[in-house]
Amino acid sequence: MTRKGYQPKPSVLETIFNLKYEGQAITPQAASQWLNGKMIPRLEKLKTLAIVLNVDLSELVPPNKLQKLQAAELRRIGTPEELRWENIATQQDKALFSHFLDLPEPQRNVVREVIMALYKQHCE
């Protein structure tokens, strides 16, 4: 915050964040916890904070923590129903996948390699 010209105070962070964030406003207590490293906000709030401070997300949290936050966000919001593979796969696809899972691991690896080779050829 200091590099961007803001005093690193909870009241300052609360004000500049809430001006930009469209969701529920944060409290000075939450801002204090963020500043003291006691709590890391959810991904959507981190994205807003990065915009407010005009920095990259990686400047706010380390890459490994960012990956965990992204995974948690996906679990929290879930996959849209129309994109779930179970809803777009045919019965034949599901039966084939069931047979694939019954194969020993070495044979599964061969099947994976064949599929990837066909996919690469198809995409060229």
Foldseek 3Di string as FASTA:
>chain_A
DVVLPFDLALVRLQVLLQVQDPDDGDDSVVSVCLSVVVDDDAPVSLVSVCVSSVHDSCVSDPPVVVVVSVVVVCVVVDDPPCPPCVNVDDPVRVVVVVVLVVDPPVVNVVVVVVVVVVVVVVVD
